[in-house]
């Protein structure tokens, strides 16, 4: 999943209690979003999932 910081949150606000939290904080300090699998509990207070727009399907007529 791809995550970005919530509005008003800095990368330094993320508590570094696990290796994944440290990696997430470090990655978001230099990038606007990052991909990570298995987000630890408590980190959803600081980040939100990036939702990519789905391509619209064209209707080619028919019934």
N, C-alpha and C. Protein backbone atom coordinates (compact mmCIF):
# COMPACT_ATOMS: atom_id res chain seq x y z
N UNK A 1 0.84 -1.17 0.00
CA UNK A 1 0.00 0.00 0.00
C UNK A 1 0.89 1.24 0.00
N UNK A 2 0.39 2.29 -0.56
CA UNK A 2 1.13 3.54 -0.63
C UNK A 2 0.53 4.52 0.37
N UNK A 3 1.40 5.17 1.16
CA UNK A 3 0.95 6.08 2.21
C UNK A 3 1.62 7.44 2.08
N UNK A 4 0.93 8.46 2.60
CA UNK A 4 1.49 9.81 2.69
C UNK A 4 1.14 10.36 4.06
N UNK A 5 1.82 11.43 4.45
CA UNK A 5 1.55 12.07 5.74
C UNK A 5 0.20 12.78 5.70
N UNK A 6 -0.51 12.75 6.81
CA UNK A 6 -1.75 13.51 6.92
C UNK A 6 -1.41 14.99 6.99
N UNK A 7 -2.39 15.84 6.69
CA UNK A 7 -2.18 17.28 6.75
C UNK A 7 -1.80 17.69 8.17
N UNK A 8 -0.79 18.53 8.28
CA UNK A 8 -0.36 19.04 9.58
C UNK A 8 0.58 18.12 10.34
N UNK A 9 0.95 17.00 9.75
CA UNK A 9 1.84 16.04 10.40
C UNK A 9 3.21 16.10 9.73
N UNK A 10 4.25 16.15 10.52
CA UNK A 10 5.63 16.12 10.01
C UNK A 10 6.18 14.71 10.18
N UNK A 11 7.16 14.35 9.38
CA UNK A 11 7.77 13.02 9.49
C UNK A 11 8.40 12.82 10.86
N UNK A 12 8.87 13.90 11.47
CA UNK A 12 9.49 13.79 12.80
C UNK A 12 8.46 13.53 13.90
N UNK A 13 7.16 13.71 13.61
CA UNK A 13 6.11 13.44 14.59
C UNK A 13 5.87 11.94 14.79
N UNK A 14 6.27 11.12 13.82
CA UNK A 14 6.03 9.68 13.89
C UNK A 14 6.93 9.07 14.95
N UNK A 15 6.35 8.38 15.95
CA UNK A 15 7.18 7.74 16.98
C UNK A 15 7.98 6.59 16.37
N UNK A 16 9.24 6.50 16.74
CA UNK A 16 10.14 5.50 16.15
C UNK A 16 10.31 4.32 17.09
N UNK A 17 9.22 3.59 17.34
CA UNK A 17 9.24 2.47 18.28
C UNK A 17 9.51 1.14 17.61
N UNK A 18 9.57 1.10 16.29
CA UNK A 18 9.88 -0.14 15.58
C UNK A 18 10.69 0.18 14.34
N UNK A 19 11.29 -0.84 13.77
CA UNK A 19 12.10 -0.65 12.57
C UNK A 19 11.26 -0.13 11.41
N UNK A 20 10.03 -0.64 11.29
CA UNK A 20 9.15 -0.20 10.20
C UNK A 20 8.78 1.27 10.39
N UNK A 21 8.50 1.67 11.62
CA UNK A 21 8.16 3.07 11.89
C UNK A 21 9.34 3.98 11.57
N UNK A 22 10.56 3.54 11.87
CA UNK A 22 11.76 4.32 11.55
C UNK A 22 11.92 4.45 10.04
N UNK A 23 11.71 3.34 9.32
CA UNK A 23 11.83 3.37 7.86
C UNK A 23 10.77 4.29 7.25
N UNK A 24 9.55 4.21 7.76
CA UNK A 24 8.46 5.04 7.25
C UNK A 24 8.76 6.52 7.48
N UNK A 25 9.20 6.85 8.69
CA UNK A 25 9.53 8.23 9.02
C UNK A 25 10.65 8.76 8.13
N UNK A 26 11.67 7.96 7.94
CA UNK A 26 12.80 8.36 7.11
C UNK A 26 12.38 8.54 5.65
N UNK A 27 11.59 7.62 5.14
CA UNK A 27 11.15 7.70 3.74
C UNK A 27 10.25 8.91 3.51
N UNK A 28 9.35 9.19 4.45
CA UNK A 28 8.43 10.32 4.28
C UNK A 28 9.11 11.66 4.53
N UNK A 29 10.27 11.66 5.16
CA UNK A 29 11.01 12.90 5.35
C UNK A 29 11.58 13.39 4.03
N UNK A 30 11.85 12.46 3.11
CA UNK A 30 12.45 12.84 1.83
C UNK A 30 11.50 12.73 0.64
N UNK A 31 10.41 11.98 0.78
CA UNK A 31 9.45 11.78 -0.31
C UNK A 31 8.05 12.18 0.15
N UNK A 32 7.19 12.51 -0.82
CA UNK A 32 5.82 12.89 -0.46
C UNK A 32 4.97 11.68 -0.13
N UNK A 33 5.33 10.51 -0.67
CA UNK A 33 4.61 9.28 -0.35
C UNK A 33 5.58 8.11 -0.47
N UNK A 34 5.22 7.01 0.15
CA UNK A 34 6.06 5.82 0.11
C UNK A 34 5.20 4.57 0.17
N UNK A 35 5.73 3.49 -0.36
CA UNK A 35 5.00 2.22 -0.35
C UNK A 35 5.55 1.35 0.77
N UNK A 36 4.64 0.78 1.55
CA UNK A 36 5.04 -0.07 2.67
C UNK A 36 3.98 -1.14 2.87
N UNK A 37 4.42 -2.33 3.24
CA UNK A 37 3.50 -3.42 3.54
C UNK A 37 3.44 -3.61 5.04
N UNK A 38 2.28 -3.88 5.56
CA UNK A 38 2.14 -4.18 6.98
C UNK A 38 2.38 -2.99 7.88
N UNK A 39 1.52 -2.02 7.84
CA UNK A 39 1.65 -0.83 8.67
C UNK A 39 1.36 -1.17 10.13
N UNK A 40 2.28 -0.87 11.06
CA UNK A 40 2.05 -1.18 12.48
C UNK A 40 0.89 -0.38 13.07
N UNK A 41 0.29 -0.93 14.13
CA UNK A 41 -0.80 -0.24 14.83
C UNK A 41 -0.31 1.11 15.33
N UNK A 42 -1.19 2.08 15.32
CA UNK A 42 -0.87 3.40 15.84
C UNK A 42 -0.33 4.36 14.80
N UNK A 43 0.14 3.86 13.68
CA UNK A 43 0.71 4.77 12.68
C UNK A 43 -0.35 5.38 11.77
N UNK A 44 -1.57 4.85 11.80
CA UNK A 44 -2.63 5.44 10.99
C UNK A 44 -3.03 6.82 11.50
N UNK A 45 -2.60 7.17 12.71
CA UNK A 45 -2.84 8.52 13.23
C UNK A 45 -2.00 9.55 12.47
N UNK A 46 -0.92 9.11 11.84
CA UNK A 46 0.03 10.01 11.21
C UNK A 46 0.01 9.96 9.69
N UNK A 47 -0.43 8.84 9.12
CA UNK A 47 -0.41 8.68 7.67
C UNK A 47 -1.79 8.29 7.15
N UNK A 48 -1.97 8.48 5.85
CA UNK A 48 -3.20 8.06 5.20
C UNK A 48 -2.85 7.38 3.88
N UNK A 49 -3.71 6.50 3.44
CA UNK A 49 -3.47 5.75 2.22
C UNK A 49 -3.65 6.66 1.01
N UNK A 50 -2.76 6.53 0.06
CA UNK A 50 -2.86 7.27 -1.19
C UNK A 50 -3.77 6.47 -2.11
N UNK A 51 -4.83 7.11 -2.56
CA UNK A 51 -5.79 6.45 -3.44
C UNK A 51 -5.53 6.93 -4.85
N UNK A 52 -5.15 6.00 -5.71
CA UNK A 52 -4.91 6.37 -7.10
C UNK A 52 -6.23 6.37 -7.85
N UNK A 53 -6.42 7.33 -8.73
CA UNK A 53 -7.68 7.38 -9.48
C UNK A 53 -7.82 6.17 -10.40
N UNK A 54 -9.01 5.65 -10.45
CA UNK A 54 -9.26 4.50 -11.33
C UNK A 54 -9.62 5.01 -12.72
N UNK A 55 -9.08 4.39 -13.74
CA UNK A 55 -9.41 4.85 -15.10
C UNK A 55 -10.87 4.59 -15.42
N UNK A 56 -11.48 5.56 -16.08
CA UNK A 56 -12.89 5.42 -16.44
C UNK A 56 -13.01 4.55 -17.68
N UNK A 57 -13.94 3.63 -17.63
CA UNK A 57 -14.18 2.77 -18.78
C UNK A 57 -15.15 3.47 -19.73
N UNK A 58 -14.82 3.39 -21.01
CA UNK A 58 -15.70 4.00 -22.00
C UNK A 58 -16.81 3.03 -22.37
N UNK A 59 -18.00 3.57 -22.47
CA UNK A 59 -19.14 2.76 -22.88
C UNK A 59 -19.19 2.78 -24.40
N UNK A 60 -19.08 1.61 -25.02
CA UNK A 60 -19.04 1.53 -26.48
C UNK A 60 -20.41 1.22 -27.06
N UNK A 61 -21.42 1.81 -26.50
CA UNK A 61 -22.76 1.59 -27.03
C UNK A 61 -23.34 0.29 -26.53
N UNK A 62 -24.27 -0.24 -27.27
CA UNK A 62 -24.90 -1.48 -26.86
C UNK A 62 -26.11 -1.20 -26.00
N UNK A 63 -26.69 -2.24 -25.46
CA UNK A 63 -27.92 -2.06 -24.69
C UNK A 63 -27.64 -1.91 -23.25
